[in-house]
Amino acid sequence: MLVLGLETSCDETGVAVYHTTRGLLAHRLHSQVALHEAYGGVVPELASRDHLQRLVPLIEQTLAAAGITLGELAGIAYTEGPGLAGALLGGASVANALALARGLPVIGVHHLEGHLLSPLLARPAPAFPFVALLVSGGHTQLMEVRGVGAYRTLGETVDDAAGEAFDKTAKLLGLP
């Protein structure tokens, strides 16, 4: 089964084609770092607009790189949250419109669950249960991953997440 995946939770637009038996066939990523650099951080409205400009061309490039057409897709997945509301809305809108136009099922994927299960893309994939360190934007958590949908928090930060601390430190030091 071929699935198109769209990621628009913050400041990167990601598109991938995944085959359930052959694995990842192609992916494309556009970073907005340069767009937000002058502001010292991500500007949500700019991020949302950029996703909308980038998604269709990235989808076309990714499908071409995978050597498939829209007609071969069996479904579409998109990042449902958490993330920037406008950025998520853009990705969800494109995913749902494309799915409706093609008569395909569409599914929203929890952003953090995607991170927790990403080790399953490795070869060899880890066996359940495993421990995952989740460091994503505003989250820093140590999680036990017992299976798909079965997670237990082992520990987490109580103030800033590690990513936010790195960003603040870099800004204080005048780093890009």
C-alpha atoms as a PDB file:
ATOM      1  CA  MET A   1       0.000   0.000   0.000  1.00  0.00           C
ATOM      2  CA  LEU A   2       1.301   3.482  -0.909  1.00  0.00           C
ATOM      3  CA  VAL A   3       0.715   6.377   1.496  1.00  0.00           C
ATOM      4  CA  LEU A   4       1.479  10.055   0.970  1.00  0.00           C
ATOM      5  CA  GLY A   5       2.527  11.820   4.169  1.00  0.00           C
ATOM      6  CA  LEU A   6       2.439  15.587   4.778  1.00  0.00           C
ATOM      7  CA  GLU A   7       4.175  17.361   7.686  1.00  0.00           C
ATOM      8  CA  THR A   8       3.448  21.033   8.453  1.00  0.00           C
ATOM      9  CA  SER A   9       3.552  21.330  12.231  1.00  0.00           C
ATOM     10  CA  CYS A  10       5.968  24.266  12.446  1.00  0.00           C
ATOM     11  CA  ASP A  11       8.614  25.688  10.094  1.00  0.00           C
ATOM     12  CA  GLU A  12       9.449  22.802   7.782  1.00  0.00           C
ATOM     13  CA  THR A  13       7.289  21.421   5.005  1.00  0.00           C
ATOM     14  CA  GLY A  14       7.796  17.691   4.660  1.00  0.00           C
ATOM     15  CA  VAL A  15       6.350  15.291   2.097  1.00  0.00           C
ATOM     16  CA  ALA A  16       7.007  11.553   1.846  1.00  0.00           C
ATOM     17  CA  VAL A  17       5.781   8.485  -0.008  1.00  0.00           C
ATOM     18  CA  TYR A  18       5.834   5.305   2.042  1.00  0.00           C
ATOM     19  CA  HIS A  19       5.159   1.769   0.856  1.00  0.00           C
ATOM     20  CA  THR A  20       4.040  -0.658   3.557  1.00  0.00           C
ATOM     21  CA  THR A  21       6.372  -3.426   2.384  1.00  0.00           C
ATOM     22  CA  ARG A  22       9.130  -1.538   0.521  1.00  0.00           C
ATOM     23  CA  GLY A  23       9.518   1.286   3.064  1.00  0.00           C
ATOM     24  CA  LEU A  24      10.258   4.930   2.345  1.00  0.00           C
ATOM     25  CA  LEU A  25      10.306   5.504  -1.420  1.00  0.00           C
ATOM     26  CA  ALA A  26      10.962   9.245  -1.530  1.00  0.00           C
ATOM     27  CA  HIS A  27      10.806  12.365   0.582  1.00  0.00           C
ATOM     28  CA  ARG A  28      11.311  16.087   0.210  1.00  0.00           C
ATOM     29  CA  LEU A  29      11.803  18.770   2.853  1.00  0.00           C
ATOM     30  CA  HIS A  30      11.717  22.539   2.689  1.00  0.00           C
ATOM     31  CA  SER A  31      13.133  24.438   5.663  1.00  0.00           C
ATOM     32  CA  GLN A  32      11.928  27.920   6.559  1.00  0.00           C
ATOM     33  CA  VAL A  33      14.975  28.812   8.664  1.00  0.00           C
ATOM     34  CA  ALA A  34      16.052  31.624   6.310  1.00  0.00           C
ATOM     35  CA  LEU A  35      12.491  32.994   6.185  1.00  0.00           C
ATOM     36  CA  HIS A  36      12.298  33.416   9.977  1.00  0.00           C
ATOM     37  CA  GLU A  37      15.936  34.296  10.691  1.00  0.00           C
ATOM     38  CA  ALA A  38      15.387  38.062  10.692  1.00  0.00           C
ATOM     39  CA  TYR A  39      12.690  37.706  13.378  1.00  0.00           C
ATOM     40  CA  GLY A  40      14.729  35.604  15.806  1.00  0.00           C
ATOM     41  CA  GLY A  41      12.170  32.813  15.768  1.00  0.00           C
ATOM     42  CA  VAL A  42       9.268  31.305  13.881  1.00  0.00           C
ATOM     43  CA  VAL A  43       6.506  33.726  12.857  1.00  0.00           C
ATOM     44  CA  PRO A  44       3.352  31.558  12.719  1.00  0.00           C
ATOM     45  CA  GLU A  45       1.581  33.510   9.948  1.00  0.00           C
ATOM     46  CA  LEU A  46       4.650  33.422   7.695  1.00  0.00           C
ATOM     47  CA  ALA A  47       5.071  29.704   8.371  1.00  0.00           C
ATOM     48  CA  SER A  48       1.445  28.997   7.420  1.00  0.00           C
ATOM     49  CA  ARG A  49       1.660  30.889   4.143  1.00  0.00           C
ATOM     50  CA  ASP A  50       4.951  29.278   3.186  1.00  0.00           C
ATOM     51  CA  HIS A  51       3.526  25.775   3.727  1.00  0.00           C
ATOM     52  CA  LEU A  52       0.684  26.560   1.335  1.00  0.00           C
ATOM     53  CA  GLN A  53       3.129  27.758  -1.326  1.00  0.00           C
ATOM     54  CA  ARG A  54       5.438  24.753  -0.932  1.00  0.00           C
ATOM     55  CA  LEU A  55       3.098  21.781  -0.488  1.00  0.00           C
ATOM     56  CA  VAL A  56       1.860  21.198  -4.047  1.00  0.00           C
ATOM     57  CA  PRO A  57       5.307  21.509  -5.685  1.00  0.00           C
ATOM     58  CA  LEU A  58       6.838  19.256  -2.999  1.00  0.00           C
ATOM     59  CA  ILE A  59       4.079  16.675  -3.492  1.00  0.00           C
ATOM     60  CA  GLU A  60       4.727  16.679  -7.246  1.00  0.00           C
ATOM     61  CA  GLN A  61       8.509  16.356  -6.724  1.00  0.00           C
ATOM     62  CA  THR A  62       8.125  13.550  -4.180  1.00  0.00           C
ATOM     63  CA  LEU A  63       5.733  11.528  -6.331  1.00  0.00           C
ATOM     64  CA  ALA A  64       8.084  11.928  -9.302  1.00  0.00           C
ATOM     65  CA  ALA A  65      11.093  10.862  -7.215  1.00  0.00           C
ATOM     66  CA  ALA A  66       9.153   7.790  -6.048  1.00  0.00           C
ATOM     67  CA  GLY A  67       8.168   7.018  -9.641  1.00  0.00           C
ATOM     68  CA  ILE A  68       4.456   6.937  -8.881  1.00  0.00           C
ATOM     69  CA  THR A  69       1.324   8.924  -9.689  1.00  0.00           C
ATOM     70  CA  LEU A  70      -1.505  10.213  -7.514  1.00  0.00           C
ATOM     71  CA  GLY A  71      -3.653   7.407  -8.900  1.00  0.00           C
ATOM     72  CA  GLU A  72      -1.450   4.790  -7.257  1.00  0.00           C
ATOM     73  CA  LEU A  73      -1.870   6.157  -3.731  1.00  0.00           C
ATOM     74  CA  ALA A  74      -3.974   4.185  -1.257  1.00  0.00           C
ATOM     75  CA  GLY A  75      -4.201   6.934   1.356  1.00  0.00           C
ATOM     76  CA  ILE A  76      -2.928  10.219   2.733  1.00  0.00           C
ATOM     77  CA  ALA A  77      -1.623  10.994   6.215  1.00  0.00           C
ATOM     78  CA  TYR A  78      -0.934  14.439   7.656  1.00  0.00           C
ATOM     79  CA  THR A  79       0.290  15.923  10.914  1.00  0.00           C
ATOM     80  CA  GLU A  80      -2.769  16.675  13.039  1.00  0.00           C
ATOM     81  CA  GLY A  81      -1.014  18.311  15.976  1.00  0.00           C
ATOM     82  CA  PRO A  82       0.439  19.535  18.205  1.00  0.00           C
ATOM     83  CA  GLY A  83       2.052  22.432  16.393  1.00  0.00           C
ATOM     84  CA  LEU A  84       1.282  25.888  15.029  1.00  0.00           C
ATOM     85  CA  ALA A  85      -2.474  26.094  14.400  1.00  0.00           C
ATOM     86  CA  GLY A  86      -2.276  27.835  11.012  1.00  0.00           C
ATOM     87  CA  ALA A  87       0.537  25.616   9.766  1.00  0.00           C
ATOM     88  CA  LEU A  88      -1.372  22.490  10.784  1.00  0.00           C
ATOM     89  CA  LEU A  89      -4.541  23.806   9.161  1.00  0.00           C
ATOM     90  CA  GLY A  90      -2.726  24.306   5.856  1.00  0.00           C
ATOM     91  CA  GLY A  91      -1.413  20.737   5.806  1.00  0.00           C
ATOM     92  CA  ALA A  92      -4.762  19.294   6.883  1.00  0.00           C
ATOM     93  CA  SER A  93      -6.585  21.298   4.203  1.00  0.00           C
ATOM     94  CA  VAL A  94      -4.317  20.116   1.396  1.00  0.00           C
ATOM     95  CA  ALA A  95      -4.444  16.503   2.627  1.00  0.00           C
ATOM     96  CA  ASN A  96      -8.229  16.474   2.954  1.00  0.00           C
ATOM     97  CA  ALA A  97      -8.828  18.236  -0.373  1.00  0.00           C
ATOM     98  CA  LEU A  98      -6.514  15.849  -2.209  1.00  0.00           C
ATOM     99  CA  ALA A  99      -8.079  12.836  -0.500  1.00  0.00           C
ATOM    100  CA  LEU A 100     -11.599  14.025  -1.332  1.00  0.00           C
ATOM    101  CA  ALA A 101     -10.678  14.712  -4.969  1.00  0.00           C
ATOM    102  CA  ARG A 102      -9.062  11.264  -5.358  1.00  0.00           C
ATOM    103  CA  GLY A 103     -11.537   9.305  -3.206  1.00  0.00           C
ATOM    104  CA  LEU A 104      -8.810   8.279  -0.783  1.00  0.00           C
ATOM    105  CA  PRO A 105      -8.885   7.729   2.965  1.00  0.00           C
ATOM    106  CA  VAL A 106      -7.130  10.392   5.003  1.00  0.00           C
ATOM    107  CA  ILE A 107      -5.787  10.161   8.534  1.00  0.00           C
ATOM    108  CA  GLY A 108      -4.409  12.724  10.936  1.00  0.00           C
ATOM    109  CA  VAL A 109      -1.294  11.627  12.806  1.00  0.00           C
ATOM    110  CA  HIS A 110      -0.368  12.962  16.240  1.00  0.00           C
ATOM    111  CA  HIS A 111       2.947  14.785  15.804  1.00  0.00           C
ATOM    112  CA  LEU A 112       4.570  13.333  18.910  1.00  0.00           C
ATOM    113  CA  GLU A 113       3.385   9.805  18.144  1.00  0.00           C
ATOM    114  CA  GLY A 114       5.086  10.151  14.779  1.00  0.00           C
ATOM    115  CA  HIS A 115       8.345  10.928  16.559  1.00  0.00           C
ATOM    116  CA  LEU A 116       7.873   8.041  18.993  1.00  0.00           C
ATOM    117  CA  LEU A 117       7.291   5.527  16.217  1.00  0.00           C
ATOM    118  CA  SER A 118       9.935   6.842  13.790  1.00  0.00           C
ATOM    119  CA  PRO A 119      12.529   4.283  15.020  1.00  0.00           C
ATOM    120  CA  LEU A 120      10.337   1.634  13.372  1.00  0.00           C
ATOM    121  CA  LEU A 121      11.563   2.970   9.999  1.00  0.00           C
ATOM    122  CA  ALA A 122      15.099   1.806  10.837  1.00  0.00           C
ATOM    123  CA  ARG A 123      16.390  -1.541   9.639  1.00  0.00           C
ATOM    124  CA  PRO A 124      16.467  -3.471  11.800  1.00  0.00           C
ATOM    125  CA  ALA A 125      13.548  -1.867  13.627  1.00  0.00           C
ATOM    126  CA  PRO A 126      13.555  -2.069  17.417  1.00  0.00           C
ATOM    127  CA  ALA A 127      11.212  -4.555  19.053  1.00  0.00           C
ATOM    128  CA  PHE A 128       8.540  -3.396  21.495  1.00  0.00           C
ATOM    129  CA  PRO A 129       8.937  -2.311  24.202  1.00  0.00           C
ATOM    130  CA  PHE A 130      11.654   0.314  23.794  1.00  0.00           C
ATOM    131  CA  VAL A 131      12.535   3.618  25.441  1.00  0.00           C
ATOM    132  CA  ALA A 132      12.406   6.820  23.395  1.00  0.00           C
ATOM    133  CA  LEU A 133      13.788  10.259  24.148  1.00  0.00           C
ATOM    134  CA  LEU A 134      11.327  12.733  22.648  1.00  0.00           C
ATOM    135  CA  VAL A 135      12.894  16.154  22.052  1.00  0.00           C
ATOM    136  CA  SER A 136      10.594  18.087  19.738  1.00  0.00           C
ATOM    137  CA  GLY A 137       9.950  21.816  19.895  1.00  0.00           C
ATOM    138  CA  GLY A 138       8.150  22.350  23.178  1.00  0.00           C
ATOM    139  CA  HIS A 139       8.466  18.752  24.402  1.00  0.00           C
ATOM    140  CA  THR A 140      11.214  16.875  26.199  1.00  0.00           C
ATOM    141  CA  GLN A 141      10.067  13.495  27.463  1.00  0.00           C
ATOM    142  CA  LEU A 142      11.455  10.054  28.162  1.00  0.00           C
ATOM    143  CA  MET A 143       8.822   7.555  27.035  1.00  0.00           C
ATOM    144  CA  GLU A 144       8.290   3.816  27.226  1.00  0.00           C
ATOM    145  CA  VAL A 145       6.890   2.677  23.875  1.00  0.00           C
ATOM    146  CA  ARG A 146       5.026  -0.578  24.518  1.00  0.00           C
ATOM    147  CA  GLY A 147       3.360  -0.721  21.092  1.00  0.00           C
ATOM    148  CA  VAL A 148       1.443   1.452  18.636  1.00  0.00           C
ATOM    149  CA  GLY A 149      -0.814   3.622  20.795  1.00  0.00           C
ATOM    150  CA  ALA A 150       0.655   2.265  24.039  1.00  0.00           C
ATOM    151  CA  TYR A 151       2.986   4.791  25.697  1.00  0.00           C
ATOM    152  CA  ARG A 152       4.016   5.622  29.237  1.00  0.00           C
ATOM    153  CA  THR A 153       5.791   8.789  30.324  1.00  0.00           C
ATOM    154  CA  LEU A 154       8.889   7.927  32.346  1.00  0.00           C
ATOM    155  CA  GLY A 155       9.996  11.522  32.854  1.00  0.00           C
ATOM    156  CA  GLU A 156       9.746  15.004  31.383  1.00  0.00           C
ATOM    157  CA  THR A 157      10.977  18.548  31.873  1.00  0.00           C
ATOM    158  CA  VAL A 158       8.981  20.769  34.189  1.00  0.00           C
ATOM    159  CA  ASP A 159      10.056  24.105  32.696  1.00  0.00           C
ATOM    160  CA  ASP A 160      11.544  24.776  29.243  1.00  0.00           C
ATOM    161  CA  ALA A 161      11.932  21.988  26.742  1.00  0.00           C
ATOM    162  CA  ALA A 162      15.472  21.235  25.581  1.00  0.00           C
ATOM    163  CA  GLY A 163      14.815  22.680  22.107  1.00  0.00           C
ATOM    164  CA  GLU A 164      13.587  25.969  23.564  1.00  0.00           C
ATOM    165  CA  ALA A 165      16.605  26.142  25.882  1.00  0.00           C
ATOM    166  CA  PHE A 166      18.964  25.658  22.909  1.00  0.00           C
ATOM    167  CA  ASP A 167      17.142  28.379  20.944  1.00  0.00           C
ATOM    168  CA  LYS A 168      17.268  30.851  23.836  1.00  0.00           C
ATOM    169  CA  THR A 169      20.939  30.141  24.506  1.00  0.00           C
ATOM    170  CA  ALA A 170      21.844  30.595  20.835  1.00  0.00           C
ATOM    171  CA  LYS A 171      19.988  33.895  20.744  1.00  0.00           C
ATOM    172  CA  LEU A 172      21.790  35.121  23.880  1.00  0.00           C
ATOM    173  CA  LEU A 173      25.142  34.171  22.307  1.00  0.00           C
ATOM    174  CA  GLY A 174      24.253  35.874  19.030  1.00  0.00           C
ATOM    175  CA  LEU A 175      24.329  32.616  17.080  1.00  0.00           C
ATOM    176  CA  PRO A 176      22.128  31.994  14.025  1.00  0.00           C
END
